[in-house]
Amino acid sequence: MLTVADLDRSCAFYTDLLGLRVERFYGADGQWRCALRVGRQKINLHEVGGEIAPHAANPQPGSADLCFLSDTDLAAWQEHLAGHGVAVELGPVPRTGAEGPILSLYLRDPDGNLLEIATRIS
């Protein structure tokens, strides 16, 4: 779950800039929900003040740290981000990923969450 200040702004950022897909649906409880799809993963979005139970103990915008693995070269990501006026906070830098060495770029979403875009190093 990712708590955001503005659902529409966050959906636009993640779809327009990062290419994730928005999925809107009604939960079993009849509440309207929104999620981001990336590959086989889903990130549920909750707007601050309207969190759906169960949720984090202290849900708040800007408290997440997410890593997205990409097959796209980081130089292309840097060009894409610059074209949208999004600053790279750090990188490319080598890191250790869950499955081995990666090369990473770091940026912030509109709520200040730390996002890492990484490619595997062969």
Foldseek 3Di string as FASTA:
>chain_A
DAEDQDPVQQQCCCCVQVNWDKDWDADPVRDIWIWTDDPPDIGTYAYPPGDDPPDDPDHDFQPAEEEDEDPDDVVVSCVSCVVVVWDFPDDQDWDADPVGIWGWTWGAGPRNHIYIYIYHDD
